[in-house]
Amino acid sequence: MNNAFGQPQSIVAIGGTSDIALEVLTLITSRCRNLVLAGRDDGALSMLKSSLAAATGAEVATVHFDAREPDRASITVKECFDAAGGDVDVVVVAVGELGHQESDEREPPRVAQIIRVNFEWPAAALSAIAHRLRDQGHGAIIVLSSVAGVRVRRSNFLYGSAKAGLDSFCQGLRESLRDTGVSVHIVRAGFVRTKMTRGMVDPPLALDTAVAARFIVRGFERGDEVVWVPPRLQWIMAGMRILPSPAWRYLTRLEMLSRKDAASHRASE
């Protein structure tokens, strides 16, 4: 249970090696007693376990999982809750793979994997998480979605369509949990400089992970059901949603051309 100051004491981070998730954890673990990190990279998990235990004083456990195996999502959730040793106050779900649109769209197995990692596995895991939190009667879920799913662009429609599916799933999940004591907070993040976006050209409103995490935690602590990162994206995307298709197509074409120009410039340096 949260302590008397409303601070979570037991936290599970699925996708616990995510740069954004780690920054969020540094801000919400000040009074945490139990922390569980779940990820695929065992070496990174081991190093993070030691550093976070030293920094927070919490008992830190790790769980291995592979988001390419959605049939095992419920097993991963069970292992995470068991490792937490009791009730869980907050679950952060930060699972995703950006991929490479131009090459991936030509390979059906890669298309399937992008959908599986960004939508199928997280949705299956969230269903199991919701069941556990509903049974204990309290808890919060923070899910990293993306503005890429608000209106899908030509340049990343595989990732964007998967995030659109996850975002819609989370909206329905939130309503199914209303009045149960469990809250769902959907994070619609713009471009954040992480290892997943390394090497890409910064678009407008690009953020460092520390800044993004502050927006996420502030929105979570306010109880926002949707957290826009940065907040002004809410109003920008409201306009983008209603933009006529020809205008949207023109803007996305310009985006792709600017990316190619930037890539050519880097290659010539």
Protein backbone atom coordinates (compact mmCIF):
# COMPACT_ATOMS: atom_id res chain seq x y z
CA MET A 1 0.00 0.00 0.00
CA ASN A 2 1.04 3.61 -0.49
CA ASN A 3 2.42 5.12 2.71
CA ALA A 4 0.74 7.87 4.71
CA PHE A 5 2.12 10.47 2.30
CA GLY A 6 0.62 8.70 -0.71
CA GLN A 7 4.01 7.49 -1.93
CA PRO A 8 4.19 4.04 -3.54
CA GLN A 9 6.12 1.44 -1.58
CA SER A 10 6.01 -1.43 -4.08
CA ILE A 11 6.68 -0.83 -7.78
CA VAL A 12 6.95 -3.12 -10.79
CA ALA A 13 8.58 -1.84 -14.00
CA ILE A 14 7.96 -4.05 -17.02
CA GLY A 15 10.42 -2.90 -19.62
CA GLY A 16 12.58 -1.90 -16.68
CA THR A 17 15.65 -1.17 -18.78
CA SER A 18 13.77 1.51 -20.76
CA ASP A 19 15.51 4.88 -20.46
CA ILE A 20 12.21 6.65 -19.78
CA ALA A 21 11.04 4.07 -17.26
CA LEU A 22 14.30 4.36 -15.34
CA GLU A 23 14.00 8.14 -15.13
CA VAL A 24 10.42 7.77 -13.89
CA LEU A 25 11.57 5.28 -11.26
CA THR A 26 14.21 7.67 -9.93
CA LEU A 27 11.42 10.17 -9.22
CA ILE A 28 8.88 7.86 -7.57
CA THR A 29 11.03 5.46 -5.56
CA SER A 30 12.08 7.77 -2.71
CA ARG A 31 10.09 5.74 -0.16
CA CYS A 32 9.89 2.52 -2.13
CA ARG A 33 10.54 -0.71 -0.21
CA ASN A 34 10.19 -3.24 -3.05
CA LEU A 35 11.12 -2.69 -6.68
CA VAL A 36 10.87 -5.27 -9.46
CA LEU A 37 12.55 -4.73 -12.84
CA ALA A 38 11.49 -6.94 -15.74
CA GLY A 39 13.37 -6.97 -19.01
CA ARG A 40 15.10 -9.04 -21.69
CA ASP A 41 18.70 -7.92 -21.17
CA ASP A 42 19.91 -9.90 -18.14
CA GLY A 43 23.23 -8.05 -18.00
CA ALA A 44 21.55 -4.64 -17.91
CA LEU A 45 19.05 -5.88 -15.31
CA SER A 46 21.88 -7.08 -13.07
CA MET A 47 23.69 -3.74 -13.19
CA LEU A 48 20.47 -1.79 -12.61
CA LYS A 49 19.57 -4.00 -9.68
CA SER A 50 22.78 -3.06 -7.89
CA SER A 51 22.64 0.66 -8.70
CA LEU A 52 18.96 1.10 -7.81
CA ALA A 53 19.31 -0.85 -4.57
CA ALA A 54 22.18 1.44 -3.56
CA ALA A 55 20.36 4.59 -4.62
CA THR A 56 16.96 3.86 -3.10
CA GLY A 57 17.62 1.40 -0.28
CA ALA A 58 14.80 -0.74 -1.68
CA GLU A 59 14.79 -4.49 -2.13
CA VAL A 60 15.28 -4.89 -5.88
CA ALA A 61 14.40 -8.04 -7.79
CA THR A 62 14.64 -8.81 -11.51
CA VAL A 63 12.51 -10.90 -13.86
CA HIS A 64 13.46 -11.99 -17.37
CA PHE A 65 10.90 -11.85 -20.18
CA ASP A 66 10.76 -11.62 -23.95
CA ALA A 67 8.03 -9.46 -25.50
CA ARG A 68 8.15 -11.64 -28.62
CA GLU A 69 6.37 -14.35 -26.58
CA PRO A 70 2.85 -13.04 -25.80
CA ASP A 71 1.69 -16.47 -24.63
CA ARG A 72 4.00 -16.06 -21.63
CA ALA A 73 2.88 -12.55 -20.70
CA SER A 74 0.66 -13.70 -17.82
CA ILE A 75 3.53 -15.84 -16.48
CA THR A 76 5.81 -12.79 -16.49
CA VAL A 77 3.19 -10.76 -14.59
CA LYS A 78 2.84 -13.51 -11.99
CA GLU A 79 6.60 -13.68 -11.55
CA CYS A 80 6.76 -9.89 -11.10
CA PHE A 81 4.03 -9.82 -8.47
CA ASP A 82 5.52 -12.81 -6.67
CA ALA A 83 8.92 -11.09 -6.65
CA ALA A 84 7.30 -7.98 -5.15
CA GLY A 85 6.25 -10.12 -2.20
CA GLY A 86 2.73 -8.77 -1.78
CA ASP A 87 0.57 -5.90 -2.93
CA VAL A 88 1.90 -3.73 -5.75
CA ASP A 89 1.18 0.01 -5.74
CA VAL A 90 2.39 1.01 -9.21
CA VAL A 91 3.09 -0.93 -12.39
CA VAL A 92 5.01 0.86 -15.16
CA VAL A 93 4.68 -0.76 -18.60
CA ALA A 94 7.35 0.53 -20.98
CA VAL A 95 7.60 -2.14 -23.66
CA GLY A 96 8.30 -1.24 -27.26
CA GLU A 97 10.39 -1.63 -30.40
CA LEU A 98 10.65 1.18 -32.91
CA GLY A 99 11.99 -0.91 -35.78
CA HIS A 100 13.00 0.37 -39.22
CA GLN A 101 9.92 1.27 -41.22
CA GLU A 102 11.35 1.21 -44.75
CA SER A 103 12.85 -2.27 -44.45
CA ASP A 104 10.39 -3.78 -41.96
CA GLU A 105 7.31 -3.05 -44.08
CA ARG A 106 8.72 -5.35 -46.79
CA GLU A 107 9.16 -8.28 -44.40
CA PRO A 108 5.91 -9.81 -43.06
CA PRO A 109 7.70 -11.52 -40.12
CA ARG A 110 9.07 -8.14 -39.03
CA VAL A 111 5.63 -6.55 -39.39
CA ALA A 112 4.25 -9.27 -37.12
CA GLN A 113 7.04 -8.75 -34.58
CA ILE A 114 6.53 -4.98 -34.38
CA ILE A 115 2.81 -5.51 -33.72
CA ARG A 116 3.56 -8.28 -31.24
CA VAL A 117 6.10 -6.32 -29.19
CA ASN A 118 4.29 -2.99 -29.20
CA PHE A 119 0.69 -4.18 -28.86
CA GLU A 120 0.04 -7.91 -28.45
CA TRP A 121 2.44 -8.62 -25.58
CA PRO A 122 1.69 -5.41 -23.60
CA ALA A 123 -2.08 -5.91 -24.02
CA ALA A 124 -1.85 -9.48 -22.74
CA ALA A 125 0.31 -8.38 -19.82
CA LEU A 126 -1.99 -5.47 -18.97
CA SER A 127 -4.96 -7.81 -18.82
CA ALA A 128 -3.12 -9.94 -16.24
CA ILE A 129 -1.94 -6.85 -14.32
CA ALA A 130 -5.48 -5.46 -14.17
CA HIS A 131 -6.75 -8.76 -12.78
CA ARG A 132 -4.13 -8.75 -10.00
CA LEU A 133 -4.68 -5.11 -9.04
CA ARG A 134 -8.47 -5.47 -9.14
CA ASP A 135 -8.21 -8.40 -6.73
CA GLN A 136 -6.07 -6.43 -4.27
CA GLY A 137 -8.43 -3.43 -4.55
CA HIS A 138 -5.91 -0.71 -5.33
CA GLY A 139 -3.02 0.23 -7.58
CA ALA A 140 -2.03 2.33 -10.58
CA ILE A 141 -0.81 1.41 -14.06
CA ILE A 142 1.38 3.78 -16.08
CA VAL A 143 1.56 2.77 -19.74
CA LEU A 144 3.97 4.33 -22.22
CA SER A 145 2.02 4.90 -25.41
CA SER A 146 3.04 7.42 -28.09
CA VAL A 147 1.73 10.36 -30.07
CA ALA A 148 2.69 8.22 -33.07
CA GLY A 149 -0.56 6.39 -32.48
CA VAL A 150 -2.78 9.47 -32.39
CA ARG A 151 -2.61 9.89 -36.16
CA VAL A 152 -0.41 7.41 -37.97
CA ARG A 153 2.26 8.74 -40.33
CA ARG A 154 3.71 7.17 -43.46
CA SER A 155 7.20 7.31 -41.97
CA ASN A 156 6.41 4.99 -39.03
CA PHE A 157 3.00 3.44 -39.58
CA LEU A 158 4.05 0.02 -38.23
CA TYR A 159 5.05 1.39 -34.84
CA GLY A 160 2.29 4.01 -34.89
CA SER A 161 -0.50 1.54 -35.70
CA ALA A 162 0.66 -0.79 -32.92
CA LYS A 163 0.74 2.08 -30.43
CA ALA A 164 -2.72 3.17 -31.63
CA GLY A 165 -3.99 -0.30 -30.80
CA LEU A 166 -2.34 -0.26 -27.38
CA ASP A 167 -3.68 3.22 -26.62
CA SER A 168 -7.24 2.18 -27.50
CA PHE A 169 -6.88 -1.00 -25.45
CA CYS A 170 -5.76 1.04 -22.45
CA GLN A 171 -8.70 3.40 -22.80
CA GLY A 172 -11.08 0.46 -22.61
CA LEU A 173 -9.12 -1.13 -19.78
CA ARG A 174 -9.32 2.12 -17.83
CA GLU A 175 -13.10 2.15 -18.11
CA SER A 176 -13.34 -1.51 -17.09
CA LEU A 177 -11.40 -0.68 -13.90
CA ARG A 178 -13.33 2.44 -12.97
CA ASP A 179 -14.57 2.37 -9.36
CA THR A 180 -12.35 -0.61 -8.51
CA GLY A 181 -9.59 1.41 -6.85
CA VAL A 182 -7.28 0.84 -9.84
CA SER A 183 -6.26 3.68 -12.18
CA VAL A 184 -4.74 3.60 -15.67
CA HIS A 185 -2.56 6.47 -16.87
CA ILE A 186 -1.76 6.57 -20.59
CA VAL A 187 1.44 8.44 -21.49
CA ARG A 188 1.36 9.86 -25.02
CA ALA A 189 4.96 10.84 -25.47
CA GLY A 190 6.48 12.69 -28.37
CA PHE A 191 10.10 12.31 -29.46
CA VAL A 192 12.36 11.51 -26.49
CA ARG A 193 16.12 11.08 -26.83
CA THR A 194 16.70 7.47 -25.76
CA LYS A 195 18.73 4.52 -26.93
CA MET A 196 15.73 3.57 -29.09
CA THR A 197 15.89 6.88 -30.99
CA ARG A 198 19.69 7.22 -31.03
CA GLY A 199 20.98 8.40 -34.38
CA MET A 200 17.67 9.94 -35.43
CA VAL A 201 17.33 13.64 -36.22
CA ASP A 202 15.59 15.61 -33.46
CA PRO A 203 12.16 16.88 -34.53
CA PRO A 204 10.58 19.94 -32.91
CA LEU A 205 9.75 19.49 -29.21
CA ALA A 206 12.31 16.71 -28.72
CA LEU A 207 13.03 16.05 -25.04
CA ASP A 208 15.69 14.44 -22.90
CA THR A 209 14.54 11.52 -20.75
CA ALA A 210 14.83 13.44 -17.47
CA VAL A 211 12.50 16.18 -18.72
CA ALA A 212 10.05 13.64 -20.13
CA ALA A 213 10.01 11.76 -16.82
CA ARG A 214 9.18 14.92 -14.88
CA PHE A 215 6.15 15.53 -17.11
CA ILE A 216 5.06 11.90 -16.66
CA VAL A 217 5.37 11.90 -12.88
CA ARG A 218 3.69 15.29 -12.55
CA GLY A 219 0.73 14.08 -14.62
CA PHE A 220 0.57 10.81 -12.70
CA GLU A 221 0.61 12.53 -9.32
CA ARG A 222 -2.19 14.86 -10.50
CA GLY A 223 -4.21 11.82 -11.47
CA ASP A 224 -4.29 12.63 -15.19
CA GLU A 225 -5.78 9.76 -17.18
CA VAL A 226 -3.82 10.86 -20.25
CA VAL A 227 -0.38 12.42 -19.83
CA TRP A 228 0.97 14.30 -22.84
CA VAL A 229 4.74 14.64 -23.06
CA PRO A 230 5.33 17.51 -23.51
CA PRO A 231 1.90 18.89 -22.51
CA ARG A 232 1.58 21.23 -25.51
CA LEU A 233 1.36 18.16 -27.77
CA GLN A 234 -2.24 17.76 -26.64
CA TRP A 235 -3.22 20.91 -28.52
CA ILE A 236 -0.95 20.25 -31.50
CA MET A 237 -2.35 16.75 -31.99
CA ALA A 238 -5.91 18.03 -31.58
CA GLY A 239 -5.29 20.05 -34.72
CA MET A 240 -3.50 17.19 -36.49
CA ARG A 241 -6.46 14.88 -35.91
CA ILE A 242 -8.80 17.09 -37.93
CA LEU A 243 -6.32 18.10 -40.61
CA PRO A 244 -7.64 17.09 -44.07
CA SER A 245 -5.91 14.05 -45.55
CA PRO A 246 -4.20 15.93 -48.43
CA ALA A 247 -2.65 18.41 -45.97
CA TRP A 248 -1.60 15.59 -43.64
CA ARG A 249 -0.08 13.71 -46.57
CA TYR A 250 1.86 16.81 -47.60
CA LEU A 251 3.27 17.32 -44.10
CA THR A 252 4.31 13.71 -43.72
CA ARG A 253 5.98 13.79 -47.14
CA LEU A 254 7.98 16.83 -46.04
CA GLU A 255 8.97 14.98 -42.89
CA MET A 256 10.30 12.02 -44.86
CA LEU A 257 12.24 14.27 -47.22
CA SER A 258 13.83 16.15 -44.30
CA ARG A 259 14.88 12.85 -42.73
CA LYS A 260 16.51 11.71 -45.96
CA ASP A 261 18.30 15.04 -46.32
CA ALA A 262 19.59 14.82 -42.77
CA ALA A 263 20.74 11.24 -43.30
CA SER A 264 22.58 12.23 -46.50
CA HIS A 265 24.22 15.13 -44.68
CA ARG A 266 25.46 12.86 -41.89
CA ALA A 267 26.76 10.34 -44.43
CA SER A 268 28.78 13.05 -46.20
CA GLU A 269 30.41 14.38 -43.04
